[in-house]
Amino acid sequence: MSESQKHLDNKVVILNGFSNEEIVKIMGEVKKLFDNPKELIFAKTTERSVQMKLTDLIEDISADHAYLQANPPNINKKSE
């Protein structure tokens, strides 16, 4: 299976027109429906993304997701 085809098999949820608060609520509810919610990919549209072909957008989002899974951001949480 090619990398492109692999990306097209990902579970991607693309949200458009929602506030950040609404997106957080939607993500929480959708994640409850899956045994492994970490395999879900959520994305909010941008000016650039709404101009892209859907296959290209899914591939782009999936590549970003794969990169972040392999290279998680180092988020320093304040210790109490």
PDB file of N, CA and C in Angstrom:
ATOM      1  N   MET A   1       0.854  -1.179   0.000  1.00  0.00           N
ATOM      2  CA  MET A   1       0.000   0.000   0.000  1.00  0.00           C
ATOM      3  C   MET A   1       0.898   1.239   0.000  1.00  0.00           C
ATOM      4  N   SER A   2       0.606   2.159  -0.882  1.00  0.00           N
ATOM      5  CA  SER A   2       1.409   3.377  -0.955  1.00  0.00           C
ATOM      6  C   SER A   2       1.126   4.269   0.249  1.00  0.00           C
ATOM      7  N   GLU A   3       2.059   5.171   0.516  1.00  0.00           N
ATOM      8  CA  GLU A   3       1.880   6.109   1.633  1.00  0.00           C
ATOM      9  C   GLU A   3       0.624   6.951   1.419  1.00  0.00           C
ATOM     10  N   SER A   4       0.380   7.330   0.174  1.00  0.00           N
ATOM     11  CA  SER A   4      -0.805   8.123  -0.151  1.00  0.00           C
ATOM     12  C   SER A   4      -2.083   7.349   0.171  1.00  0.00           C
ATOM     13  N   GLN A   5      -2.136   6.086  -0.243  1.00  0.00           N
ATOM     14  CA  GLN A   5      -3.316   5.266   0.033  1.00  0.00           C
ATOM     15  C   GLN A   5      -3.482   5.048   1.530  1.00  0.00           C
ATOM     16  N   LYS A   6      -2.369   4.865   2.225  1.00  0.00           N
ATOM     17  CA  LYS A   6      -2.414   4.684   3.672  1.00  0.00           C
ATOM     18  C   LYS A   6      -3.068   5.895   4.331  1.00  0.00           C
ATOM     19  N   HIS A   7      -2.687   7.084   3.897  1.00  0.00           N
ATOM     20  CA  HIS A   7      -3.275   8.304   4.458  1.00  0.00           C
ATOM     21  C   HIS A   7      -4.775   8.376   4.182  1.00  0.00           C
ATOM     22  N   LEU A   8      -5.187   7.927   3.018  1.00  0.00           N
ATOM     23  CA  LEU A   8      -6.605   8.010   2.665  1.00  0.00           C
ATOM     24  C   LEU A   8      -7.460   7.036   3.469  1.00  0.00           C
ATOM     25  N   ASP A   9      -6.830   6.092   4.149  1.00  0.00           N
ATOM     26  CA  ASP A   9      -7.566   5.164   5.007  1.00  0.00           C
ATOM     27  C   ASP A   9      -7.743   5.702   6.427  1.00  0.00           C
ATOM     28  N   ASN A  10      -7.114   6.827   6.734  1.00  0.00           N
ATOM     29  CA  ASN A  10      -7.229   7.411   8.072  1.00  0.00           C
ATOM     30  C   ASN A  10      -8.635   7.921   8.333  1.00  0.00           C
ATOM     31  N   LYS A  11      -8.998   7.932   9.603  1.00  0.00           N
ATOM     32  CA  LYS A  11     -10.287   8.486  10.027  1.00  0.00           C
ATOM     33  C   LYS A  11     -10.073   9.976  10.286  1.00  0.00           C
ATOM     34  N   VAL A  12     -10.566  10.807   9.377  1.00  0.00           N
ATOM     35  CA  VAL A  12     -10.344  12.248   9.437  1.00  0.00           C
ATOM     36  C   VAL A  12     -11.688  12.962   9.577  1.00  0.00           C
ATOM     37  N   VAL A  13     -11.747  13.868  10.539  1.00  0.00           N
ATOM     38  CA  VAL A  13     -12.935  14.693  10.752  1.00  0.00           C
ATOM     39  C   VAL A  13     -12.521  16.133  10.464  1.00  0.00           C
ATOM     40  N   ILE A  14     -13.136  16.725   9.457  1.00  0.00           N
ATOM     41  CA  ILE A  14     -12.813  18.100   9.081  1.00  0.00           C
ATOM     42  C   ILE A  14     -13.983  18.985   9.493  1.00  0.00           C
ATOM     43  N   LEU A  15     -13.669  20.007  10.278  1.00  0.00           N
ATOM     44  CA  LEU A  15     -14.700  20.890  10.818  1.00  0.00           C
ATOM     45  C   LEU A  15     -14.588  22.276  10.189  1.00  0.00           C
ATOM     46  N   ASN A  16     -15.721  22.821   9.823  1.00  0.00           N
ATOM     47  CA  ASN A  16     -15.747  24.140   9.204  1.00  0.00           C
ATOM     48  C   ASN A  16     -16.871  24.967   9.817  1.00  0.00           C
ATOM     49  N   GLY A  17     -16.546  26.193  10.185  1.00  0.00           N
ATOM     50  CA  GLY A  17     -17.569  27.119  10.644  1.00  0.00           C
ATOM     51  C   GLY A  17     -17.905  27.033  12.122  1.00  0.00           C
ATOM     52  N   PHE A  18     -17.179  26.233  12.869  1.00  0.00           N
ATOM     53  CA  PHE A  18     -17.442  26.083  14.298  1.00  0.00           C
ATOM     54  C   PHE A  18     -16.496  26.958  15.110  1.00  0.00           C
ATOM     55  N   SER A  19     -16.971  27.401  16.267  1.00  0.00           N
ATOM     56  CA  SER A  19     -16.093  28.124  17.191  1.00  0.00           C
ATOM     57  C   SER A  19     -15.154  27.113  17.843  1.00  0.00           C
ATOM     58  N   ASN A  20     -14.083  27.603  18.437  1.00  0.00           N
ATOM     59  CA  ASN A  20     -13.152  26.701  19.125  1.00  0.00           C
ATOM     60  C   ASN A  20     -13.862  25.943  20.241  1.00  0.00           C
ATOM     61  N   GLU A  21     -14.750  26.613  20.946  1.00  0.00           N
ATOM     62  CA  GLU A  21     -15.507  25.965  22.019  1.00  0.00           C
ATOM     63  C   GLU A  21     -16.370  24.833  21.460  1.00  0.00           C
ATOM     64  N   GLU A  22     -17.023  25.078  20.350  1.00  0.00           N
ATOM     65  CA  GLU A  22     -17.843  24.039  19.721  1.00  0.00           C
ATOM     66  C   GLU A  22     -16.981  22.871  19.245  1.00  0.00           C
ATOM     67  N   ILE A  23     -15.821  23.183  18.699  1.00  0.00           N
ATOM     68  CA  ILE A  23     -14.921  22.134  18.213  1.00  0.00           C
ATOM     69  C   ILE A  23     -14.489  21.223  19.354  1.00  0.00           C
ATOM     70  N   VAL A  24     -14.148  21.803  20.488  1.00  0.00           N
ATOM     71  CA  VAL A  24     -13.741  20.998  21.647  1.00  0.00           C
ATOM     72  C   VAL A  24     -14.881  20.070  22.064  1.00  0.00           C
ATOM     73  N   LYS A  25     -16.095  20.581  22.079  1.00  0.00           N
ATOM     74  CA  LYS A  25     -17.251  19.753  22.446  1.00  0.00           C
ATOM     75  C   LYS A  25     -17.475  18.634  21.433  1.00  0.00           C
ATOM     76  N   ILE A  26     -17.405  18.967  20.163  1.00  0.00           N
ATOM     77  CA  ILE A  26     -17.605  17.968  19.105  1.00  0.00           C
ATOM     78  C   ILE A  26     -16.539  16.883  19.203  1.00  0.00           C
ATOM     79  N   MET A  27     -15.294  17.299  19.361  1.00  0.00           N
ATOM     80  CA  MET A  27     -14.203  16.329  19.458  1.00  0.00           C
ATOM     81  C   MET A  27     -14.427  15.381  20.636  1.00  0.00           C
ATOM     82  N   GLY A  28     -14.817  15.928  21.760  1.00  0.00           N
ATOM     83  CA  GLY A  28     -15.058  15.098  22.939  1.00  0.00           C
ATOM     84  C   GLY A  28     -16.150  14.068  22.704  1.00  0.00           C
ATOM     85  N   GLU A  29     -17.226  14.492  22.075  1.00  0.00           N
ATOM     86  CA  GLU A  29     -18.345  13.575  21.828  1.00  0.00           C
ATOM     87  C   GLU A  29     -17.986  12.517  20.784  1.00  0.00           C
ATOM     88  N   VAL A  30     -17.294  12.911  19.739  1.00  0.00           N
ATOM     89  CA  VAL A  30     -16.910  11.952  18.696  1.00  0.00           C
ATOM     90  C   VAL A  30     -15.925  10.928  19.263  1.00  0.00           C
ATOM     91  N   LYS A  31     -14.966  11.379  20.052  1.00  0.00           N
ATOM     92  CA  LYS A  31     -13.972  10.468  20.636  1.00  0.00           C
ATOM     93  C   LYS A  31     -14.621   9.388  21.486  1.00  0.00           C
ATOM     94  N   LYS A  32     -15.731   9.710  22.130  1.00  0.00           N
ATOM     95  CA  LYS A  32     -16.437   8.737  22.972  1.00  0.00           C
ATOM     96  C   LYS A  32     -16.960   7.552  22.164  1.00  0.00           C
ATOM     97  N   LEU A  33     -17.122   7.723  20.872  1.00  0.00           N
ATOM     98  CA  LEU A  33     -17.693   6.683  20.016  1.00  0.00           C
ATOM     99  C   LEU A  33     -16.672   5.640  19.560  1.00  0.00           C
ATOM    100  N   PHE A  34     -15.393   5.858  19.860  1.00  0.00           N
ATOM    101  CA  PHE A  34     -14.338   4.989  19.351  1.00  0.00           C
ATOM    102  C   PHE A  34     -13.519   4.382  20.481  1.00  0.00           C
ATOM    103  N   ASP A  35     -13.129   3.123  20.283  1.00  0.00           N
ATOM    104  CA  ASP A  35     -12.290   2.437  21.267  1.00  0.00           C
ATOM    105  C   ASP A  35     -10.894   3.045  21.331  1.00  0.00           C
ATOM    106  N   ASN A  36     -10.390   3.491  20.195  1.00  0.00           N
ATOM    107  CA  ASN A  36      -9.052   4.077  20.139  1.00  0.00           C
ATOM    108  C   ASN A  36      -9.144   5.475  19.525  1.00  0.00           C
ATOM    109  N   PRO A  37      -9.560   6.455  20.315  1.00  0.00           N
ATOM    110  CA  PRO A  37      -9.756   7.795  19.750  1.00  0.00           C
ATOM    111  C   PRO A  37      -8.472   8.461  19.263  1.00  0.00           C
ATOM    112  N   LYS A  38      -7.318   7.947  19.670  1.00  0.00           N
ATOM    113  CA  LYS A  38      -6.062   8.551  19.209  1.00  0.00           C
ATOM    114  C   LYS A  38      -5.837   8.331  17.720  1.00  0.00           C
ATOM    115  N   GLU A  39      -6.573   7.385  17.131  1.00  0.00           N
ATOM    116  CA  GLU A  39      -6.421   7.168  15.692  1.00  0.00           C
ATOM    117  C   GLU A  39      -7.233   8.177  14.875  1.00  0.00           C
ATOM    118  N   LEU A  40      -8.106   8.920  15.546  1.00  0.00           N
ATOM    119  CA  LEU A  40      -8.891   9.940  14.851  1.00  0.00           C
ATOM    120  C   LEU A  40      -8.035  11.169  14.587  1.00  0.00           C
ATOM    121  N   ILE A  41      -8.290  11.798  13.466  1.00  0.00           N
ATOM    122  CA  ILE A  41      -7.595  13.035  13.127  1.00  0.00           C
ATOM    123  C   ILE A  41      -8.658  14.117  12.960  1.00  0.00           C
ATOM    124  N   PHE A  42      -8.522  15.173  13.734  1.00  0.00           N
ATOM    125  CA  PHE A  42      -9.441  16.304  13.642  1.00  0.00           C
ATOM    126  C   PHE A  42      -8.716  17.478  13.002  1.00  0.00           C
ATOM    127  N   ALA A  43      -9.425  18.196  12.168  1.00  0.00           N
ATOM    128  CA  ALA A  43      -8.840  19.379  11.540  1.00  0.00           C
ATOM    129  C   ALA A  43      -9.914  20.437  11.353  1.00  0.00           C
ATOM    130  N   LYS A  44      -9.493  21.670  11.508  1.00  0.00           N
ATOM    131  CA  LYS A  44     -10.357  22.815  11.262  1.00  0.00           C
ATOM    132  C   LYS A  44      -9.923  23.423   9.932  1.00  0.00           C
ATOM    133  N   THR A  45     -10.873  23.808   9.125  1.00  0.00           N
ATOM    134  CA  THR A  45     -10.520  24.372   7.828  1.00  0.00           C
ATOM    135  C   THR A  45      -9.788  25.703   7.983  1.00  0.00           C
ATOM    136  N   THR A  46      -8.988  25.977   6.970  1.00  0.00           N
ATOM    137  CA  THR A  46      -8.284  27.255   6.870  1.00  0.00           C
ATOM    138  C   THR A  46      -8.586  27.829   5.492  1.00  0.00           C
ATOM    139  N   GLU A  47      -8.164  29.056   5.267  1.00  0.00           N
ATOM    140  CA  GLU A  47      -8.361  29.650   3.937  1.00  0.00           C
ATOM    141  C   GLU A  47      -7.703  28.789   2.864  1.00  0.00           C
ATOM    142  N   ARG A  48      -6.544  28.242   3.181  1.00  0.00           N
ATOM    143  CA  ARG A  48      -5.825  27.397   2.217  1.00  0.00           C
ATOM    144  C   ARG A  48      -6.519  26.052   2.035  1.00  0.00           C
ATOM    145  N   SER A  49      -6.922  25.441   3.141  1.00  0.00           N
ATOM    146  CA  SER A  49      -7.453  24.078   3.057  1.00  0.00           C
ATOM    147  C   SER A  49      -8.772  23.996   2.287  1.00  0.00           C
ATOM    148  N   VAL A  50      -9.587  25.032   2.350  1.00  0.00           N
ATOM    149  CA  VAL A  50     -10.865  24.975   1.633  1.00  0.00           C
ATOM    150  C   VAL A  50     -10.680  25.066   0.120  1.00  0.00           C
ATOM    151  N   GLN A  51      -9.491  25.431  -0.315  1.00  0.00           N
ATOM    152  CA  GLN A  51      -9.201  25.505  -1.747  1.00  0.00           C
ATOM    153  C   GLN A  51      -8.594  24.205  -2.282  1.00  0.00           C
ATOM    154  N   MET A  52      -8.222  23.300  -1.376  1.00  0.00           N
ATOM    155  CA  MET A  52      -7.536  22.070  -1.770  1.00  0.00           C
ATOM    156  C   MET A  52      -8.521  20.984  -2.202  1.00  0.00           C
ATOM    157  N   LYS A  53      -8.026  20.073  -3.044  1.00  0.00           N
ATOM    158  CA  LYS A  53      -8.796  18.861  -3.337  1.00  0.00           C
ATOM    159  C   LYS A  53      -8.861  18.048  -2.052  1.00  0.00           C
ATOM    160  N   LEU A  54      -9.968  17.371  -1.842  1.00  0.00           N
ATOM    161  CA  LEU A  54     -10.155  16.626  -0.603  1.00  0.00           C
ATOM    162  C   LEU A  54      -9.063  15.579  -0.398  1.00  0.00           C
ATOM    163  N   THR A  55      -8.697  14.859  -1.433  1.00  0.00           N
ATOM    164  CA  THR A  55      -7.645  13.846  -1.276  1.00  0.00           C
ATOM    165  C   THR A  55      -6.332  14.490  -0.852  1.00  0.00           C
ATOM    166  N   ASP A  56      -6.008  15.635  -1.442  1.00  0.00           N
ATOM    167  CA  ASP A  56      -4.775  16.335  -1.068  1.00  0.00           C
ATOM    168  C   ASP A  56      -4.842  16.814   0.380  1.00  0.00           C
ATOM    169  N   LEU A  57      -5.997  17.294   0.782  1.00  0.00           N
ATOM    170  CA  LEU A  57      -6.169  17.778   2.147  1.00  0.00           C
ATOM    171  C   LEU A  57      -6.015  16.639   3.151  1.00  0.00           C
ATOM    172  N   ILE A  58      -6.643  15.507   2.873  1.00  0.00           N
ATOM    173  CA  ILE A  58      -6.536  14.356   3.777  1.00  0.00           C
ATOM    174  C   ILE A  58      -5.089  13.884   3.863  1.00  0.00           C
ATOM    175  N   GLU A  59      -4.402  13.842   2.743  1.00  0.00           N
ATOM    176  CA  GLU A  59      -2.992  13.440   2.753  1.00  0.00           C
ATOM    177  C   GLU A  59      -2.154  14.418   3.570  1.00  0.00           C
ATOM    178  N   ASP A  60      -2.407  15.708   3.410  1.00  0.00           N
ATOM    179  CA  ASP A  60      -1.665  16.738   4.135  1.00  0.00           C
ATOM    180  C   ASP A  60      -1.922  16.642   5.640  1.00  0.00           C
ATOM    181  N   ILE A  61      -3.178  16.531   6.007  1.00  0.00           N
ATOM    182  CA  ILE A  61      -3.552  16.413   7.421  1.00  0.00           C
ATOM    183  C   ILE A  61      -2.952  15.140   8.015  1.00  0.00           C
ATOM    184  N   SER A  62      -3.024  14.053   7.276  1.00  0.00           N
ATOM    185  CA  SER A  62      -2.507  12.771   7.756  1.00  0.00           C
ATOM    186  C   SER A  62      -0.997  12.806   7.942  1.00  0.00           C
ATOM    187  N   ALA A  63      -0.306  13.455   7.029  1.00  0.00           N
ATOM    188  CA  ALA A  63       1.150  13.572   7.152  1.00  0.00           C
ATOM    189  C   ALA A  63       1.510  14.384   8.395  1.00  0.00           C
ATOM    190  N   ASP A  64       0.789  15.465   8.627  1.00  0.00           N
ATOM    191  CA  ASP A  64       1.024  16.265   9.838  1.00  0.00           C
ATOM    192  C   ASP A  64       0.764  15.436  11.091  1.00  0.00           C
ATOM    193  N   HIS A  65      -0.316  14.668  11.071  1.00  0.00           N
ATOM    194  CA  HIS A  65      -0.673  13.829  12.214  1.00  0.00           C
ATOM    195  C   HIS A  65       0.416  12.786  12.484  1.00  0.00           C
ATOM    196  N   ALA A  66       0.888  12.143  11.432  1.00  0.00           N
ATOM    197  CA  ALA A  66       1.939  11.131  11.577  1.00  0.00           C
ATOM    198  C   ALA A  66       3.210  11.757  12.142  1.00  0.00           C
ATOM    199  N   TYR A  67       3.546  12.939  11.660  1.00  0.00           N
ATOM    200  CA  TYR A  67       4.740  13.625  12.164  1.00  0.00           C
ATOM    201  C   TYR A  67       4.597  13.932  13.656  1.00  0.00           C
ATOM    202  N   LEU A  68       3.443  14.455  14.047  1.00  0.00           N
ATOM    203  CA  LEU A  68       3.238  14.811  15.450  1.00  0.00           C
ATOM    204  C   LEU A  68       3.196  13.583  16.357  1.00  0.00           C
ATOM    205  N   GLN A  69       2.715  12.462  15.840  1.00  0.00           N
ATOM    206  CA  GLN A  69       2.736  11.238  16.645  1.00  0.00           C
ATOM    207  C   GLN A  69       4.168  10.757  16.849  1.00  0.00           C
ATOM    208  N   ALA A  70       4.987  10.892  15.821  1.00  0.00           N
ATOM    209  CA  ALA A  70       6.385  10.469  15.916  1.00  0.00           C
ATOM    210  C   ALA A  70       7.241  11.487  16.665  1.00  0.00           C
ATOM    211  N   ASN A  71       6.807  12.734  16.666  1.00  0.00           N
ATOM    212  CA  ASN A  71       7.560  13.828  17.286  1.00  0.00           C
ATOM    213  C   ASN A  71       6.622  14.683  18.131  1.00  0.00           C
ATOM    214  N   PRO A  72       6.136  14.127  19.235  1.00  0.00           N
ATOM    215  CA  PRO A  72       5.169  14.892  20.036  1.00  0.00           C
ATOM    216  C   PRO A  72       5.782  16.192  20.551  1.00  0.00           C
ATOM    217  N   PRO A  73       4.977  17.239  20.558  1.00  0.00           N
ATOM    218  CA  PRO A  73       5.497  18.514  21.059  1.00  0.00           C
ATOM    219  C   PRO A  73       5.845  18.405  22.541  1.00  0.00           C
ATOM    220  N   ASN A  74       6.890  19.091  22.927  1.00  0.00           N
ATOM    221  CA  ASN A  74       7.317  19.102  24.322  1.00  0.00           C
ATOM    222  C   ASN A  74       6.578  20.235  25.020  1.00  0.00           C
ATOM    223  N   ILE A  75       5.462  19.883  25.615  1.00  0.00           N
ATOM    224  CA  ILE A  75       4.647  20.882  26.301  1.00  0.00           C
ATOM    225  C   ILE A  75       4.998  20.832  27.777  1.00  0.00           C
ATOM    226  N   ASN A  76       5.602  21.896  28.242  1.00  0.00           N
ATOM    227  CA  ASN A  76       5.989  21.968  29.654  1.00  0.00           C
ATOM    228  C   ASN A  76       4.789  22.386  30.477  1.00  0.00           C
ATOM    229  N   LYS A  77       4.362  21.478  31.337  1.00  0.00           N
ATOM    230  CA  LYS A  77       3.254  21.796  32.232  1.00  0.00           C
ATOM    231  C   LYS A  77       3.831  22.333  33.529  1.00  0.00           C
ATOM    232  N   LYS A  78       3.154  23.317  34.064  1.00  0.00           N
ATOM    233  CA  LYS A  78       3.600  23.879  35.335  1.00  0.00           C
ATOM    234  C   LYS A  78       3.416  22.842  36.432  1.00  0.00           C
ATOM    235  N   SER A  79       4.439  22.648  37.208  1.00  0.00           N
ATOM    236  CA  SER A  79       4.314  21.727  38.339  1.00  0.00           C
ATOM    237  C   SER A  79       3.765  22.495  39.528  1.00  0.00           C
ATOM    238  N   GLU A  80       2.932  21.817  40.263  1.00  0.00           N
ATOM    239  CA  GLU A  80       2.301  22.479  41.411  1.00  0.00           C
ATOM    240  C   GLU A  80       2.975  22.070  42.682  1.00  0.00           C
TER     241      GLU A  80
END
